[in-house]
Structure formats: structure tokens, C-alpha cells
PDB file of N, CA and C in Angstrom:
ATOM      1  N   UNK A   1       0.761  -0.802   0.013  1.00  0.00           N
ATOM      2  CA  UNK A   1       0.033   0.077   0.327  1.00  0.00           C
ATOM      3  C   UNK A   1       0.947   1.028   0.077  1.00  0.00           C
ATOM      4  N   UNK A   2       0.652   1.994  -0.944  1.00  0.00           N
ATOM      5  CA  UNK A   2       1.852   3.504  -1.334  1.00  0.00           C
ATOM      6  C   UNK A   2       1.630   4.214  -0.116  1.00  0.00           C
ATOM      7  N   UNK A   3       2.838   4.630   0.464  1.00  0.00           N
ATOM      8  CA  UNK A   3       2.645   5.804   1.652  1.00  0.00           C
ATOM      9  C   UNK A   3       2.645   6.858   0.800  1.00  0.00           C
ATOM     10  N   UNK A   4       1.881   8.011   1.338  1.00  0.00           N
ATOM     11  CA  UNK A   4       1.965   9.238   0.591  1.00  0.00           C
ATOM     12  C   UNK A   4       1.845  10.350   1.513  1.00  0.00           C
ATOM     13  N   UNK A   5       2.327   9.898   3.282  1.00  0.00           N
ATOM     14  CA  UNK A   5       2.466  11.015   4.131  1.00  0.00           C
ATOM     15  C   UNK A   5       2.740  10.299   5.541  1.00  0.00           C
ATOM     16  N   UNK A   6       4.105  11.001   6.280  1.00  0.00           N
ATOM     17  CA  UNK A   6       4.330  10.366   7.175  1.00  0.00           C
ATOM     18  C   UNK A   6       4.588  12.077   8.411  1.00  0.00           C
ATOM     19  N   UNK A   7       3.939  11.879   9.344  1.00  0.00           N
ATOM     20  CA  UNK A   7       4.064  12.875  10.259  1.00  0.00           C
ATOM     21  C   UNK A   7       3.918  12.359  11.448  1.00  0.00           C
ATOM     22  N   UNK A   8       4.910  13.203  12.638  1.00  0.00           N
ATOM     23  CA  UNK A   8       4.290  12.560  14.059  1.00  0.00           C
ATOM     24  C   UNK A   8       4.150  11.159  14.465  1.00  0.00           C
ATOM     25  N   UNK A   9       4.765   9.979  13.843  1.00  0.00           N
ATOM     26  CA  UNK A   9       4.603   8.784  14.174  1.00  0.00           C
ATOM     27  C   UNK A   9       3.697   8.283  13.252  1.00  0.00           C
ATOM     28  N   UNK A  10       2.931   8.912  12.755  1.00  0.00           N
ATOM     29  CA  UNK A  10       1.820   8.385  12.001  1.00  0.00           C
ATOM     30  C   UNK A  10       2.000   8.280  10.077  1.00  0.00           C
ATOM     31  N   UNK A  11       1.613   7.386  10.045  1.00  0.00           N
ATOM     32  CA  UNK A  11       1.828   6.903   8.483  1.00  0.00           C
ATOM     33  C   UNK A  11       0.439   7.070   7.530  1.00  0.00           C
ATOM     34  N   UNK A  12       0.461   7.821   6.290  1.00  0.00           N
ATOM     35  CA  UNK A  12      -0.590   7.767   5.927  1.00  0.00           C
ATOM     36  C   UNK A  12      -0.643   6.960   4.347  1.00  0.00           C
ATOM     37  N   UNK A  13      -1.381   6.203   4.163  1.00  0.00           N
ATOM     38  CA  UNK A  13      -1.340   5.282   2.915  1.00  0.00           C
ATOM     39  C   UNK A  13      -2.826   5.137   2.284  1.00  0.00           C
ATOM     40  N   UNK A  14      -2.642   5.076   0.684  1.00  0.00           N
ATOM     41  CA  UNK A  14      -3.495   4.863  -0.035  1.00  0.00           C
ATOM     42  C   UNK A  14      -3.458   3.866  -0.920  1.00  0.00           C
ATOM     43  N   UNK A  15      -4.707   3.570  -1.525  1.00  0.00           N
ATOM     44  CA  UNK A  15      -4.615   2.482  -2.551  1.00  0.00           C
ATOM     45  C   UNK A  15      -5.593   1.719  -3.075  1.00  0.00           C
ATOM     46  N   UNK A  16      -5.755   1.127  -3.912  1.00  0.00           N
ATOM     47  CA  UNK A  16      -6.907   0.483  -4.885  1.00  0.00           C
ATOM     48  C   UNK A  16      -6.783  -0.902  -4.272  1.00  0.00           C
ATOM     49  N   UNK A  17      -8.067  -1.434  -3.838  1.00  0.00           N
ATOM     50  CA  UNK A  17      -8.384  -2.662  -4.070  1.00  0.00           C
ATOM     51  C   UNK A  17      -8.334  -3.553  -5.284  1.00  0.00           C
ATOM     52  N   UNK A  18      -7.307  -4.683  -5.194  1.00  0.00           N
ATOM     53  CA  UNK A  18      -7.259  -5.517  -6.542  1.00  0.00           C
ATOM     54  C   UNK A  18      -8.640  -6.349  -6.745  1.00  0.00           C
ATOM     55  N   UNK A  19      -8.991  -6.394  -8.069  1.00  0.00           N
ATOM     56  CA  UNK A  19     -10.407  -6.430  -8.585  1.00  0.00           C
ATOM     57  C   UNK A  19     -11.384  -5.913  -8.698  1.00  0.00           C
ATOM     58  N   UNK A  20     -11.119  -4.371  -8.213  1.00  0.00           N
ATOM     59  CA  UNK A  20     -12.217  -3.738  -8.543  1.00  0.00           C
ATOM     60  C   UNK A  20     -11.986  -2.405  -7.869  1.00  0.00           C
ATOM     61  N   UNK A  21     -12.595  -1.139  -7.817  1.00  0.00           N
ATOM     62  CA  UNK A  21     -12.584  -0.035  -7.244  1.00  0.00           C
ATOM     63  C   UNK A  21     -13.381   0.282  -6.021  1.00  0.00           C
ATOM     64  N   UNK A  22     -12.965   0.732  -5.224  1.00  0.00           N
ATOM     65  CA  UNK A  22     -13.673   1.275  -3.955  1.00  0.00           C
ATOM     66  C   UNK A  22     -14.585   2.343  -4.693  1.00  0.00           C
ATOM     67  N   UNK A  23     -15.494   2.601  -3.514  1.00  0.00           N
ATOM     68  CA  UNK A  23     -16.545   3.298  -4.002  1.00  0.00           C
ATOM     69  C   UNK A  23     -16.473   4.971  -3.179  1.00  0.00           C
ATOM     70  N   UNK A  24     -15.712   4.876  -1.953  1.00  0.00           N
ATOM     71  CA  UNK A  24     -15.704   5.869  -1.611  1.00  0.00           C
ATOM     72  C   UNK A  24     -14.443   6.155  -1.557  1.00  0.00           C
ATOM     73  N   UNK A  25     -13.930   7.452  -1.798  1.00  0.00           N
ATOM     74  CA  UNK A  25     -12.531   7.809  -1.389  1.00  0.00           C
ATOM     75  C   UNK A  25     -12.291   7.649  -0.160  1.00  0.00           C
ATOM     76  N   UNK A  26     -10.958   7.000   0.084  1.00  0.00           N
ATOM     77  CA  UNK A  26     -10.600   7.182   1.197  1.00  0.00           C
ATOM     78  C   UNK A  26      -9.093   7.005   1.544  1.00  0.00           C
ATOM     79  N   UNK A  27      -8.948   6.867   3.258  1.00  0.00           N
ATOM     80  CA  UNK A  27      -6.927   6.883   3.149  1.00  0.00           C
ATOM     81  C   UNK A  27      -6.943   6.069   4.842  1.00  0.00           C
ATOM     82  N   UNK A  28      -5.812   5.535   4.516  1.00  0.00           N
ATOM     83  CA  UNK A  28      -5.746   4.588   5.793  1.00  0.00           C
ATOM     84  C   UNK A  28      -4.848   5.176   6.477  1.00  0.00           C
ATOM     85  N   UNK A  29      -4.776   5.426   8.132  1.00  0.00           N
ATOM     86  CA  UNK A  29      -3.746   6.031   8.874  1.00  0.00           C
ATOM     87  C   UNK A  29      -3.186   4.936   9.660  1.00  0.00           C
ATOM     88  N   UNK A  30      -1.990   4.813  10.325  1.00  0.00           N
ATOM     89  CA  UNK A  30      -1.296   4.187  10.805  1.00  0.00           C
ATOM     90  C   UNK A  30      -0.597   4.552  12.040  1.00  0.00           C
ATOM     91  N   UNK A  31      -1.066   4.217  13.387  1.00  0.00           N
ATOM     92  CA  UNK A  31       0.046   4.568  14.338  1.00  0.00           C
ATOM     93  C   UNK A  31       0.154   3.601  15.472  1.00  0.00           C
ATOM     94  N   UNK A  32       1.251   2.790  15.389  1.00  0.00           N
ATOM     95  CA  UNK A  32       1.836   2.150  16.152  1.00  0.00           C
ATOM     96  C   UNK A  32       0.926   0.854  15.964  1.00  0.00           C
ATOM     97  N   UNK A  33       0.086   0.543  16.899  1.00  0.00           N
ATOM     98  CA  UNK A  33      -0.667  -0.991  16.594  1.00  0.00           C
ATOM     99  C   UNK A  33      -2.006  -0.379  16.143  1.00  0.00           C
ATOM    100  N   UNK A  34      -2.041   0.728  15.802  1.00  0.00           N
ATOM    101  CA  UNK A  34      -3.537   1.353  15.751  1.00  0.00           C
ATOM    102  C   UNK A  34      -3.939   1.560  14.100  1.00  0.00           C
ATOM    103  N   UNK A  35      -4.909   1.304  13.371  1.00  0.00           N
ATOM    104  CA  UNK A  35      -5.453   1.882  11.990  1.00  0.00           C
ATOM    105  C   UNK A  35      -6.747   2.432  12.114  1.00  0.00           C
ATOM    106  N   UNK A  36      -6.996   3.648  11.433  1.00  0.00           N
ATOM    107  CA  UNK A  36      -7.918   4.088  11.295  1.00  0.00           C
ATOM    108  C   UNK A  36      -8.143   4.328   9.777  1.00  0.00           C
ATOM    109  N   UNK A  37      -9.526   3.919   9.212  1.00  0.00           N
ATOM    110  CA  UNK A  37      -9.692   4.619   8.224  1.00  0.00           C
ATOM    111  C   UNK A  37     -10.612   5.767   7.850  1.00  0.00           C
ATOM    112  N   UNK A  38     -10.523   7.001   6.848  1.00  0.00           N
ATOM    113  CA  UNK A  38     -10.973   7.842   7.077  1.00  0.00           C
ATOM    114  C   UNK A  38     -11.616   8.477   5.492  1.00  0.00           C
ATOM    115  N   UNK A  39     -12.679   8.709   5.558  1.00  0.00           N
ATOM    116  CA  UNK A  39     -13.323   9.318   4.142  1.00  0.00           C
ATOM    117  C   UNK A  39     -12.527  10.714   3.974  1.00  0.00           C
ATOM    118  N   UNK A  40     -12.778  10.846   2.852  1.00  0.00           N
ATOM    119  CA  UNK A  40     -12.360  12.148   1.789  1.00  0.00           C
ATOM    120  C   UNK A  40     -13.326  13.425   1.940  1.00  0.00           C
ATOM    121  N   UNK A  41     -14.878  12.917   1.375  1.00  0.00           N
ATOM    122  CA  UNK A  41     -15.550  13.628   1.425  1.00  0.00           C
ATOM    123  C   UNK A  41     -16.785  12.813   2.289  1.00  0.00           C
ATOM    124  N   UNK A  42     -17.201  13.375   3.258  1.00  0.00           N
ATOM    125  CA  UNK A  42     -16.343  14.344   3.899  1.00  0.00           C
ATOM    126  C   UNK A  42     -15.404  13.895   4.598  1.00  0.00           C
ATOM    127  N   UNK A  43     -14.670  15.087   5.254  1.00  0.00           N
ATOM    128  CA  UNK A  43     -13.472  13.854   6.232  1.00  0.00           C
ATOM    129  C   UNK A  43     -14.083  13.736   7.401  1.00  0.00           C
ATOM    130  N   UNK A  44     -14.009  12.307   7.572  1.00  0.00           N
ATOM    131  CA  UNK A  44     -14.598  11.613   8.841  1.00  0.00           C
ATOM    132  C   UNK A  44     -14.090  10.033   9.141  1.00  0.00           C
ATOM    133  N   UNK A  45     -14.155   9.615   9.919  1.00  0.00           N
ATOM    134  CA  UNK A  45     -13.448   8.302  10.322  1.00  0.00           C
ATOM    135  C   UNK A  45     -14.449   7.050   9.888  1.00  0.00           C
ATOM    136  N   UNK A  46     -14.160   6.441   8.887  1.00  0.00           N
ATOM    137  CA  UNK A  46     -15.077   5.155   8.787  1.00  0.00           C
ATOM    138  C   UNK A  46     -14.819   4.088   9.245  1.00  0.00           C
ATOM    139  N   UNK A  47     -13.768   3.671  10.133  1.00  0.00           N
ATOM    140  CA  UNK A  47     -13.728   2.543  10.753  1.00  0.00           C
ATOM    141  C   UNK A  47     -12.130   2.483  11.116  1.00  0.00           C
ATOM    142  N   UNK A  48     -12.327   1.883  12.040  1.00  0.00           N
ATOM    143  CA  UNK A  48     -11.110   1.637  13.068  1.00  0.00           C
ATOM    144  C   UNK A  48     -10.860   2.462  14.140  1.00  0.00           C
ATOM    145  N   UNK A  49      -9.641   3.247  14.480  1.00  0.00           N
ATOM    146  CA  UNK A  49      -9.510   3.819  15.659  1.00  0.00           C
ATOM    147  C   UNK A  49      -8.296   4.233  15.697  1.00  0.00           C
ATOM    148  N   UNK A  50      -7.757   5.423  15.816  1.00  0.00           N
ATOM    149  CA  UNK A  50      -6.573   5.750  16.598  1.00  0.00           C
ATOM    150  C   UNK A  50      -6.687   6.465  17.666  1.00  0.00           C
ATOM    151  N   UNK A  51      -5.596   6.612  18.430  1.00  0.00           N
ATOM    152  CA  UNK A  51      -5.814   7.699  20.126  1.00  0.00           C
ATOM    153  C   UNK A  51      -5.866   9.264  19.782  1.00  0.00           C
ATOM    154  N   UNK A  52      -6.945   9.583  20.333  1.00  0.00           N
ATOM    155  CA  UNK A  52      -7.505  11.036  20.214  1.00  0.00           C
ATOM    156  C   UNK A  52      -6.303  11.968  19.910  1.00  0.00           C
ATOM    157  N   UNK A  53      -5.538  12.300  20.420  1.00  0.00           N
ATOM    158  CA  UNK A  53      -4.409  13.046  19.754  1.00  0.00           C
ATOM    159  C   UNK A  53      -3.946  12.721  18.683  1.00  0.00           C
ATOM    160  N   UNK A  54      -3.596  11.582  17.890  1.00  0.00           N
ATOM    161  CA  UNK A  54      -3.263  11.111  17.108  1.00  0.00           C
ATOM    162  C   UNK A  54      -4.542  11.487  15.892  1.00  0.00           C
ATOM    163  N   UNK A  55      -5.543  11.318  16.182  1.00  0.00           N
ATOM    164  CA  UNK A  55      -6.831  11.254  14.988  1.00  0.00           C
ATOM    165  C   UNK A  55      -6.918  12.527  14.764  1.00  0.00           C
ATOM    166  N   UNK A  56      -6.830  13.211  15.830  1.00  0.00           N
ATOM    167  CA  UNK A  56      -6.981  15.054  15.773  1.00  0.00           C
ATOM    168  C   UNK A  56      -5.858  15.617  14.807  1.00  0.00           C
ATOM    169  N   UNK A  57      -4.782  15.014  14.906  1.00  0.00           N
ATOM    170  CA  UNK A  57      -3.575  15.634  13.723  1.00  0.00           C
ATOM    171  C   UNK A  57      -4.208  14.993  12.087  1.00  0.00           C
ATOM    172  N   UNK A  58      -4.366  13.991  12.507  1.00  0.00           N
ATOM    173  CA  UNK A  58      -4.978  12.884  10.827  1.00  0.00           C
ATOM    174  C   UNK A  58      -6.313  14.043  10.228  1.00  0.00           C
ATOM    175  N   UNK A  59      -6.998  14.300  11.138  1.00  0.00           N
ATOM    176  CA  UNK A  59      -8.250  15.145  10.576  1.00  0.00           C
ATOM    177  C   UNK A  59      -7.767  16.605  10.175  1.00  0.00           C
ATOM    178  N   UNK A  60      -6.779  17.110  11.038  1.00  0.00           N
ATOM    179  CA  UNK A  60      -6.555  18.473  10.761  1.00  0.00           C
ATOM    180  C   UNK A  60      -5.548  18.369   9.295  1.00  0.00           C
ATOM    181  N   UNK A  61      -4.713  17.176   9.307  1.00  0.00           N
ATOM    182  CA  UNK A  61      -4.225  16.886   8.304  1.00  0.00           C
ATOM    183  C   UNK A  61      -5.098  16.967   6.948  1.00  0.00           C
ATOM    184  N   UNK A  62      -5.830  16.339   6.910  1.00  0.00           N
ATOM    185  CA  UNK A  62      -6.743  15.721   5.999  1.00  0.00           C
ATOM    186  C   UNK A  62      -7.337  16.870   5.491  1.00  0.00           C
ATOM    187  N   UNK A  63      -7.736  17.793   6.600  1.00  0.00           N
ATOM    188  CA  UNK A  63      -8.704  19.246   6.106  1.00  0.00           C
ATOM    189  C   UNK A  63      -7.721  19.922   5.356  1.00  0.00           C
ATOM    190  N   UNK A  64      -6.351  20.031   5.338  1.00  0.00           N
ATOM    191  CA  UNK A  64      -5.967  20.886   4.722  1.00  0.00           C
ATOM    192  C   UNK A  64      -5.122  20.226   3.680  1.00  0.00           C
ATOM    193  N   UNK A  65      -5.489  19.291   3.403  1.00  0.00           N
ATOM    194  CA  UNK A  65      -4.820  18.210   2.233  1.00  0.00           C
ATOM    195  C   UNK A  65      -5.657  17.770   1.291  1.00  0.00           C
ATOM    196  N   UNK A  66      -6.955  17.788   1.530  1.00  0.00           N
ATOM    197  CA  UNK A  66      -8.026  17.542   1.002  1.00  0.00           C
ATOM    198  C   UNK A  66      -8.112  17.290  -0.436  1.00  0.00           C
ATOM    199  N   UNK A  67      -7.918  18.613  -1.223  1.00  0.00           N
ATOM    200  CA  UNK A  67      -7.146  18.660  -2.715  1.00  0.00           C
ATOM    201  C   UNK A  67      -6.490  17.148  -3.008  1.00  0.00           C
ATOM    202  N   UNK A  68      -5.448  17.305  -2.201  1.00  0.00           N
ATOM    203  CA  UNK A  68      -4.470  16.489  -2.587  1.00  0.00           C
ATOM    204  C   UNK A  68      -5.083  14.976  -2.437  1.00  0.00           C
ATOM    205  N   UNK A  69      -5.266  14.833  -1.321  1.00  0.00           N
ATOM    206  CA  UNK A  69      -6.112  13.630  -0.947  1.00  0.00           C
ATOM    207  C   UNK A  69      -7.194  13.181  -2.147  1.00  0.00           C
ATOM    208  N   UNK A  70      -8.193  14.021  -2.632  1.00  0.00           N
ATOM    209  CA  UNK A  70      -8.830  13.691  -3.889  1.00  0.00           C
ATOM    210  C   UNK A  70      -8.206  13.581  -5.171  1.00  0.00           C
ATOM    211  N   UNK A  71      -7.162  14.174  -5.615  1.00  0.00           N
ATOM    212  CA  UNK A  71      -6.316  14.167  -6.896  1.00  0.00           C
ATOM    213  C   UNK A  71      -5.685  12.839  -6.524  1.00  0.00           C
ATOM    214  N   UNK A  72      -4.958  12.217  -5.505  1.00  0.00           N
ATOM    215  CA  UNK A  72      -4.320  10.818  -5.484  1.00  0.00           C
ATOM    216  C   UNK A  72      -5.380   9.681  -5.469  1.00  0.00           C
ATOM    217  N   UNK A  73      -6.106   9.767  -4.940  1.00  0.00           N
ATOM    218  CA  UNK A  73      -7.537   8.960  -5.269  1.00  0.00           C
ATOM    219  C   UNK A  73      -8.069   8.584  -6.829  1.00  0.00           C
ATOM    220  N   UNK A  74      -8.099   9.705  -7.415  1.00  0.00           N
ATOM    221  CA  UNK A  74      -8.492   9.895  -8.822  1.00  0.00           C
ATOM    222  C   UNK A  74      -7.215   9.130  -9.591  1.00  0.00           C
ATOM    223  N   UNK A  75      -6.032   9.537  -9.494  1.00  0.00           N
ATOM    224  CA  UNK A  75      -4.715   8.949 -10.049  1.00  0.00           C
ATOM    225  C   UNK A  75      -4.591   7.361  -9.836  1.00  0.00           C
ATOM    226  N   UNK A  76      -4.887   7.119  -8.570  1.00  0.00           N
ATOM    227  CA  UNK A  76      -5.092   5.559  -8.236  1.00  0.00           C
ATOM    228  C   UNK A  76      -5.961   4.812  -8.560  1.00  0.00           C
ATOM    229  N   UNK A  77      -7.469   5.483  -9.192  1.00  0.00           N
ATOM    230  CA  UNK A  77      -8.117   4.759  -9.574  1.00  0.00           C
ATOM    231  C   UNK A  77      -7.688   4.559 -11.348  1.00  0.00           C
ATOM    232  N   UNK A  78      -7.038   4.950 -11.835  1.00  0.00           N
ATOM    233  CA  UNK A  78      -6.781   4.939 -12.990  1.00  0.00           C
ATOM    234  C   UNK A  78      -5.651   4.075 -12.778  1.00  0.00           C
ATOM    235  N   UNK A  79      -5.026   3.811 -11.951  1.00  0.00           N
ATOM    236  CA  UNK A  79      -4.135   2.617 -11.832  1.00  0.00           C
ATOM    237  C   UNK A  79      -2.338   3.254 -11.893  1.00  0.00           C
ATOM    238  N   UNK A  80      -2.244   4.026 -11.392  1.00  0.00           N
ATOM    239  CA  UNK A  80      -0.907   5.533 -11.468  1.00  0.00           C
ATOM    240  C   UNK A  80      -0.714   5.398 -10.263  1.00  0.00           C
ATOM    241  N   UNK A  81       0.494   5.518  -9.898  1.00  0.00           N
ATOM    242  CA  UNK A  81       0.839   5.715  -8.559  1.00  0.00           C
ATOM    243  C   UNK A  81       0.701   7.203  -7.958  1.00  0.00           C
ATOM    244  N   UNK A  82       0.293   6.355  -6.408  1.00  0.00           N
ATOM    245  CA  UNK A  82      -0.023   8.174  -5.860  1.00  0.00           C
ATOM    246  C   UNK A  82       0.967   9.021  -5.631  1.00  0.00           C
ATOM    247  N   UNK A  83       0.957  10.313  -5.160  1.00  0.00           N
ATOM    248  CA  UNK A  83       2.148  11.129  -5.061  1.00  0.00           C
ATOM    249  C   UNK A  83       2.250  11.479  -3.846  1.00  0.00           C
ATOM    250  N   UNK A  84       3.339  12.056  -3.625  1.00  0.00           N
ATOM    251  CA  UNK A  84       3.327  12.245  -1.794  1.00  0.00           C
ATOM    252  C   UNK A  84       3.246  13.550  -1.538  1.00  0.00           C
ATOM    253  N   UNK A  85       2.022  13.609   0.004  1.00  0.00           N
ATOM    254  CA  UNK A  85       1.526  14.722   0.153  1.00  0.00           C
ATOM    255  C   UNK A  85       2.468  15.340   1.295  1.00  0.00           C
ATOM    256  N   UNK A  86       2.500  16.721   1.245  1.00  0.00           N
ATOM    257  CA  UNK A  86       3.383  17.583   2.690  1.00  0.00           C
ATOM    258  C   UNK A  86       2.716  16.944   4.022  1.00  0.00           C
ATOM    259  N   UNK A  87       3.981  16.875   4.848  1.00  0.00           N
ATOM    260  CA  UNK A  87       3.237  16.549   6.172  1.00  0.00           C
ATOM    261  C   UNK A  87       2.998  17.345   6.947  1.00  0.00           C
ATOM    262  N   UNK A  88       2.164  17.048   8.214  1.00  0.00           N
ATOM    263  CA  UNK A  88       2.115  18.233   8.892  1.00  0.00           C
ATOM    264  C   UNK A  88       3.282  18.789   9.736  1.00  0.00           C
ATOM    265  N   UNK A  89       3.658  19.736  10.086  1.00  0.00           N
ATOM    266  CA  UNK A  89       5.070  20.610  10.905  1.00  0.00           C
ATOM    267  C   UNK A  89       4.922  20.834  11.858  1.00  0.00           C
TER     268      UNK A  89
END
């Protein structure tokens, strides 16, 4: 699963499921043993969980980079690799 960003120990990944496209644009956030799946429109947690502080960071980052996330989603749906997105600083 391609990594698109990394900040404060959080890794953000996006991918297309083999055998068919996903219907909802989303990304996966990993922090230690925690995994959260977040929708892009609207930005919200769809599944899983992260600790509160890390989830707030992920949601803030996603709001700042919504257009980049959507662009990556569209690129992935066409079978091309996702680009890197600026991390939180």
C-alpha cells in the first residue's frame, strides 16, 4: 500500500483494492498498532480507531490536504501511483 505522507509517527497510505475500485474515496492512517480508515468527502472516520491526539492530527492534516487526497484518489483509480503529500509540521 503506497505511503503518501508521514508525520509525528503517523503513516498515511492510499491504495486501490485488487479486483475492483473502492466506491468511497478514503485513506488509511497507521499509528503504532492502531489503524483508522478515513473518508475524504466528507473527512470522517469510517472504520478503526487511533488515539485521540493522533486522530485530531490526522483530521487536521486531511482538511488541509483534501484536494491533494482527492487528486491522489483519482490517480490511483486510473492505475497510476499516488504522489506524496506534505506532512504536518
